[in-house]
């Protein structure tokens, strides 16, 4: 069985969380995967945004829950 190529479009870049020594940046972006509705996404990107690491993709409800949990950290 042939594996289909995944497509993505970064529809909004919110910001860089950190940058590695190799120049890859951990970013929070809004991404539409395979033509679906955009979702919030955290992952590492190469400087040219051609390559990416595995990441975490959240809908808005999940992101709000994560925000509440992070606010509990002191």
N, C-alpha and C. Protein backbone atom coordinates (compact mmCIF):
# COMPACT_ATOMS: atom_id res chain seq x y z
N UNK A 1 0.84 -1.18 0.00
CA UNK A 1 0.00 0.00 0.00
C UNK A 1 0.89 1.25 0.00
N UNK A 2 0.58 2.18 -0.90
CA UNK A 2 1.37 3.40 -1.03
C UNK A 2 0.94 4.42 0.01
N UNK A 3 1.91 5.03 0.66
CA UNK A 3 1.63 6.04 1.68
C UNK A 3 1.40 7.38 0.99
N UNK A 4 0.26 8.03 1.31
CA UNK A 4 -0.04 9.32 0.72
C UNK A 4 0.78 10.41 1.37
N UNK A 5 1.15 11.42 0.56
CA UNK A 5 1.93 12.53 1.07
C UNK A 5 1.03 13.46 1.88
N UNK A 6 1.50 13.85 3.06
CA UNK A 6 0.77 14.76 3.91
C UNK A 6 1.01 16.18 3.41
N UNK A 7 -0.05 16.98 3.36
CA UNK A 7 0.09 18.37 2.97
C UNK A 7 -0.23 19.26 4.16
N UNK A 8 0.34 20.46 4.14
CA UNK A 8 0.08 21.41 5.22
C UNK A 8 0.21 22.83 4.70
N UNK A 9 -0.50 23.71 5.37
CA UNK A 9 -0.39 25.14 5.10
C UNK A 9 -0.36 25.87 6.44
N UNK A 10 0.72 26.59 6.68
CA UNK A 10 0.79 27.41 7.89
C UNK A 10 -0.04 28.66 7.62
N UNK A 11 -1.18 28.77 8.29
CA UNK A 11 -2.08 29.89 8.03
C UNK A 11 -1.79 31.09 8.93
N UNK A 12 -1.16 30.83 10.09
CA UNK A 12 -0.77 31.93 10.97
C UNK A 12 0.39 31.48 11.84
N UNK A 13 1.39 32.32 11.95
CA UNK A 13 2.52 32.06 12.83
C UNK A 13 2.36 32.91 14.07
N UNK A 14 2.20 32.24 15.22
CA UNK A 14 2.03 32.97 16.48
C UNK A 14 3.37 33.36 17.09
N UNK A 15 4.37 32.48 17.00
CA UNK A 15 5.66 32.84 17.55
C UNK A 15 6.58 31.67 17.77
N UNK A 16 7.83 32.01 18.06
CA UNK A 16 8.89 31.03 18.31
C UNK A 16 9.01 30.83 19.81
N UNK A 17 9.01 29.58 20.23
CA UNK A 17 9.16 29.24 21.65
C UNK A 17 10.63 29.15 22.02
N UNK A 18 11.43 28.53 21.13
CA UNK A 18 12.87 28.42 21.35
C UNK A 18 13.55 28.08 20.04
N UNK A 19 14.89 28.24 20.03
CA UNK A 19 15.69 27.92 18.85
C UNK A 19 16.85 27.03 19.29
N UNK A 20 17.08 25.92 18.57
CA UNK A 20 18.16 25.01 18.91
C UNK A 20 19.49 25.52 18.35
N UNK A 21 20.57 24.89 18.79
CA UNK A 21 21.90 25.25 18.29
C UNK A 21 22.03 25.01 16.79
N UNK A 22 21.24 24.08 16.25
CA UNK A 22 21.28 23.77 14.82
C UNK A 22 20.37 24.69 14.00
N UNK A 23 19.69 25.61 14.67
CA UNK A 23 18.87 26.58 13.97
C UNK A 23 17.41 26.22 13.81
N UNK A 24 17.02 25.03 14.29
CA UNK A 24 15.60 24.64 14.23
C UNK A 24 14.85 25.41 15.30
N UNK A 25 13.63 25.82 14.98
CA UNK A 25 12.84 26.59 15.95
C UNK A 25 11.57 25.84 16.35
N UNK A 26 11.31 25.84 17.64
CA UNK A 26 10.06 25.29 18.18
C UNK A 26 9.05 26.42 18.10
N UNK A 27 7.94 26.20 17.37
CA UNK A 27 7.00 27.26 17.08
C UNK A 27 5.57 26.89 17.43
N UNK A 28 4.77 27.92 17.70
CA UNK A 28 3.33 27.78 17.82
C UNK A 28 2.73 28.40 16.57
N UNK A 29 2.05 27.56 15.79
CA UNK A 29 1.45 28.00 14.53
C UNK A 29 0.03 27.48 14.41
N UNK A 30 -0.71 28.07 13.49
CA UNK A 30 -2.02 27.58 13.10
C UNK A 30 -1.82 26.91 11.74
N UNK A 31 -2.09 25.59 11.67
CA UNK A 31 -1.78 24.82 10.46
C UNK A 31 -3.00 24.05 9.99
N UNK A 32 -3.23 24.11 8.67
CA UNK A 32 -4.27 23.29 8.04
C UNK A 32 -3.57 22.05 7.47
N UNK A 33 -3.86 20.89 8.05
CA UNK A 33 -3.27 19.62 7.61
C UNK A 33 -4.20 18.95 6.60
N UNK A 34 -3.65 18.56 5.46
CA UNK A 34 -4.40 17.84 4.42
C UNK A 34 -5.70 18.53 4.04
N UNK A 35 -5.68 19.86 4.00
CA UNK A 35 -6.84 20.62 3.58
C UNK A 35 -7.95 20.73 4.61
N UNK A 36 -7.72 20.24 5.82
CA UNK A 36 -8.73 20.32 6.88
C UNK A 36 -8.69 21.68 7.56
N UNK A 37 -9.62 21.92 8.48
CA UNK A 37 -9.64 23.17 9.23
C UNK A 37 -8.34 23.34 9.99
N UNK A 38 -7.83 24.57 10.07
CA UNK A 38 -6.57 24.81 10.79
C UNK A 38 -6.70 24.48 12.28
N UNK A 39 -5.58 23.99 12.83
CA UNK A 39 -5.49 23.67 14.26
C UNK A 39 -4.20 24.25 14.80
N UNK A 40 -4.17 24.50 16.11
CA UNK A 40 -2.95 24.97 16.75
C UNK A 40 -1.92 23.85 16.76
N UNK A 41 -0.67 24.20 16.55
CA UNK A 41 0.36 23.19 16.38
C UNK A 41 1.66 23.67 17.01
N UNK A 42 2.29 22.78 17.77
CA UNK A 42 3.61 23.05 18.36
C UNK A 42 4.56 21.98 17.86
N UNK A 43 5.64 22.40 17.19
CA UNK A 43 6.65 21.46 16.71
C UNK A 43 7.91 22.22 16.31
N UNK A 44 9.00 21.48 16.08
CA UNK A 44 10.26 22.06 15.61
C UNK A 44 10.25 22.12 14.09
N UNK A 45 10.78 23.23 13.57
CA UNK A 45 10.88 23.43 12.12
C UNK A 45 12.32 23.75 11.74
N UNK A 46 12.73 23.26 10.57
CA UNK A 46 14.02 23.65 10.02
C UNK A 46 13.95 25.13 9.65
N UNK A 47 15.12 25.78 9.51
CA UNK A 47 15.10 27.22 9.21
C UNK A 47 14.29 27.59 7.95
N UNK A 48 14.25 26.72 6.95
CA UNK A 48 13.52 27.01 5.71
C UNK A 48 12.08 26.49 5.73
N UNK A 49 11.67 25.89 6.84
CA UNK A 49 10.31 25.32 7.01
C UNK A 49 9.99 24.21 6.00
N UNK A 50 11.03 23.56 5.46
CA UNK A 50 10.80 22.41 4.58
C UNK A 50 10.71 21.11 5.37
N UNK A 51 11.33 21.09 6.55
CA UNK A 51 11.35 19.89 7.37
C UNK A 51 10.80 20.20 8.75
N UNK A 52 10.19 19.17 9.37
CA UNK A 52 9.59 19.36 10.68
C UNK A 52 9.78 18.11 11.52
N UNK A 53 9.67 18.29 12.82
CA UNK A 53 9.70 17.16 13.74
C UNK A 53 8.27 16.71 14.01
N UNK A 54 8.13 15.65 14.79
CA UNK A 54 6.80 15.30 15.28
C UNK A 54 6.39 16.40 16.25
N UNK A 55 5.09 16.62 16.35
CA UNK A 55 4.64 17.70 17.20
C UNK A 55 3.32 17.38 17.87
N UNK A 56 2.72 18.41 18.41
CA UNK A 56 1.44 18.31 19.09
C UNK A 56 0.47 19.25 18.37
N UNK A 57 -0.69 18.72 18.00
CA UNK A 57 -1.72 19.50 17.34
C UNK A 57 -2.96 19.52 18.22
N UNK A 58 -3.50 20.72 18.44
CA UNK A 58 -4.63 20.90 19.36
C UNK A 58 -5.75 21.69 18.70
N UNK A 59 -6.99 21.33 19.03
CA UNK A 59 -8.09 22.20 18.64
C UNK A 59 -8.19 23.29 19.71
N UNK A 60 -9.06 24.28 19.49
CA UNK A 60 -9.12 25.40 20.43
C UNK A 60 -9.55 24.98 21.84
N UNK A 61 -10.47 24.02 21.95
CA UNK A 61 -10.90 23.57 23.27
C UNK A 61 -9.74 22.93 24.02
N UNK A 62 -8.96 22.10 23.34
CA UNK A 62 -7.80 21.47 23.96
C UNK A 62 -6.77 22.53 24.37
N UNK A 63 -6.59 23.53 23.53
CA UNK A 63 -5.62 24.59 23.83
C UNK A 63 -6.05 25.39 25.06
N UNK A 64 -7.34 25.67 25.19
CA UNK A 64 -7.82 26.38 26.38
C UNK A 64 -7.60 25.55 27.64
N UNK A 65 -7.83 24.24 27.55
CA UNK A 65 -7.58 23.36 28.69
C UNK A 65 -6.10 23.35 29.04
N UNK A 66 -5.24 23.27 28.04
CA UNK A 66 -3.79 23.31 28.27
C UNK A 66 -3.40 24.63 28.93
N UNK A 67 -3.97 25.73 28.47
CA UNK A 67 -3.67 27.04 29.07
C UNK A 67 -4.02 27.05 30.55
N UNK A 68 -5.19 26.54 30.89
CA UNK A 68 -5.60 26.49 32.31
C UNK A 68 -4.62 25.63 33.12
N UNK A 69 -4.21 24.50 32.57
CA UNK A 69 -3.26 23.65 33.28
C UNK A 69 -1.91 24.32 33.46
N UNK A 70 -1.43 25.00 32.42
CA UNK A 70 -0.14 25.68 32.51
C UNK A 70 -0.17 26.82 33.53
N UNK A 71 -1.32 27.47 33.67
CA UNK A 71 -1.44 28.55 34.64
C UNK A 71 -1.32 28.05 36.07
N UNK A 72 -1.51 26.75 36.31
CA UNK A 72 -1.36 26.17 37.64
C UNK A 72 0.10 25.95 38.02
N UNK A 73 0.99 25.97 37.05
CA UNK A 73 2.41 25.74 37.31
C UNK A 73 3.01 27.01 37.91
N UNK A 74 3.72 26.81 39.01
CA UNK A 74 4.34 27.98 39.67
C UNK A 74 5.83 27.90 39.60
